[in-house]
Amino acid sequence: MERLTAAIAQVAEHERKNDFRVKPGVARTELEIALRLALPSLIASATFTLPQYADNAAAIAGGLTPGRLYRTATNVVAVVA
């Protein structure tokens, strides 16, 4: 995460200064590398919860639309049909 923050700050600083001494694409490449390095840990630390419904009919009655994900009481992930 520190690399990502540093890369973003560096790109912003170059843009703020209009620092054209940096070769085109260098700052972008550095940012892309930092993002690729940070992404696995960001994904691993992400948490989310799916709404729980008994079945498809209950999910629809609960306001979910086709294509939305939900889970059953046994934590089976399902898609509203």
Protein backbone atom coordinates (compact mmCIF):
# COMPACT_ATOMS: atom_id res chain seq x y z
CA MET A 1 0.00 0.00 0.00
CA GLU A 2 2.90 2.33 0.72
CA ARG A 3 4.26 1.81 -2.80
CA LEU A 4 0.87 2.60 -4.29
CA THR A 5 0.55 5.78 -2.23
CA ALA A 6 4.08 6.84 -3.15
CA ALA A 7 3.50 6.21 -6.87
CA ILE A 8 0.25 8.18 -6.86
CA ALA A 9 1.95 11.04 -5.03
CA GLN A 10 4.80 11.02 -7.55
CA VAL A 11 2.43 11.16 -10.52
CA ALA A 12 0.46 13.98 -8.89
CA GLU A 13 3.67 15.91 -8.17
CA HIS A 14 4.83 15.59 -11.80
CA GLU A 15 1.45 16.81 -12.99
CA ARG A 16 1.48 19.70 -10.51
CA LYS A 17 4.93 20.84 -11.60
CA ASN A 18 4.35 20.09 -15.29
CA ASP A 19 7.66 18.30 -15.02
CA PHE A 20 8.36 17.36 -18.60
CA ARG A 21 11.83 16.06 -17.76
CA VAL A 22 10.16 12.73 -17.02
CA LYS A 23 9.94 10.60 -20.13
CA PRO A 24 6.38 10.09 -21.34
CA GLY A 25 4.85 7.01 -19.81
CA VAL A 26 7.42 6.62 -17.02
CA ALA A 27 5.13 7.87 -14.27
CA ARG A 28 2.29 5.82 -15.70
CA THR A 29 4.47 2.72 -15.76
CA GLU A 30 5.55 3.28 -12.15
CA LEU A 31 1.93 3.69 -11.10
CA GLU A 32 0.90 0.55 -13.00
CA ILE A 33 3.67 -1.46 -11.33
CA ALA A 34 2.64 -0.17 -7.90
CA LEU A 35 -0.99 -1.06 -8.59
CA ARG A 36 -0.07 -4.57 -9.72
CA LEU A 37 1.98 -5.07 -6.55
CA ALA A 38 -0.73 -3.70 -4.26
CA LEU A 39 -3.72 -5.42 -5.86
CA PRO A 40 -3.34 -8.90 -4.31
CA SER A 41 -3.18 -7.50 -0.77
CA LEU A 42 -6.10 -5.16 -1.46
CA ILE A 43 -8.18 -8.08 -2.71
CA ALA A 44 -7.17 -10.25 0.24
CA SER A 45 -8.15 -7.56 2.72
CA ALA A 46 -11.48 -6.76 1.05
CA THR A 47 -14.57 -7.92 2.84
CA PHE A 48 -18.14 -7.98 1.68
CA THR A 49 -21.31 -9.74 2.60
CA LEU A 50 -24.05 -11.09 0.43
CA PRO A 51 -27.67 -10.76 1.49
CA GLN A 52 -29.16 -14.02 2.73
CA TYR A 53 -32.38 -15.44 1.30
CA ALA A 54 -33.97 -18.87 1.44
CA ASP A 55 -34.34 -19.17 -2.34
CA ASN A 56 -34.77 -17.28 -5.61
CA ALA A 57 -38.37 -16.31 -4.86
CA ALA A 58 -37.42 -14.90 -1.47
CA ALA A 59 -34.56 -12.93 -3.02
CA ILE A 60 -36.92 -11.38 -5.58
CA ALA A 61 -39.48 -10.62 -2.86
CA GLY A 62 -36.64 -9.01 -0.91
CA GLY A 63 -35.96 -6.61 -3.76
CA LEU A 64 -33.09 -8.24 -5.63
CA THR A 65 -33.18 -8.06 -9.41
CA PRO A 66 -32.06 -10.71 -11.93
CA GLY A 67 -28.30 -11.13 -12.00
CA ARG A 68 -27.73 -10.07 -8.38
CA LEU A 69 -25.92 -12.40 -6.00
CA TYR A 70 -27.27 -13.70 -2.71
CA ARG A 71 -26.45 -16.55 -0.34
CA THR A 72 -28.59 -19.22 1.24
CA ALA A 73 -28.62 -20.21 4.90
CA THR A 74 -25.95 -22.81 4.11
CA ASN A 75 -23.74 -20.11 2.50
CA VAL A 76 -24.29 -21.34 -1.03
CA VAL A 77 -23.87 -18.40 -3.41
CA ALA A 78 -26.69 -18.06 -5.93
CA VAL A 79 -27.74 -15.64 -8.66
CA VAL A 80 -31.25 -14.26 -8.93
CA ALA A 81 -32.85 -15.68 -12.06
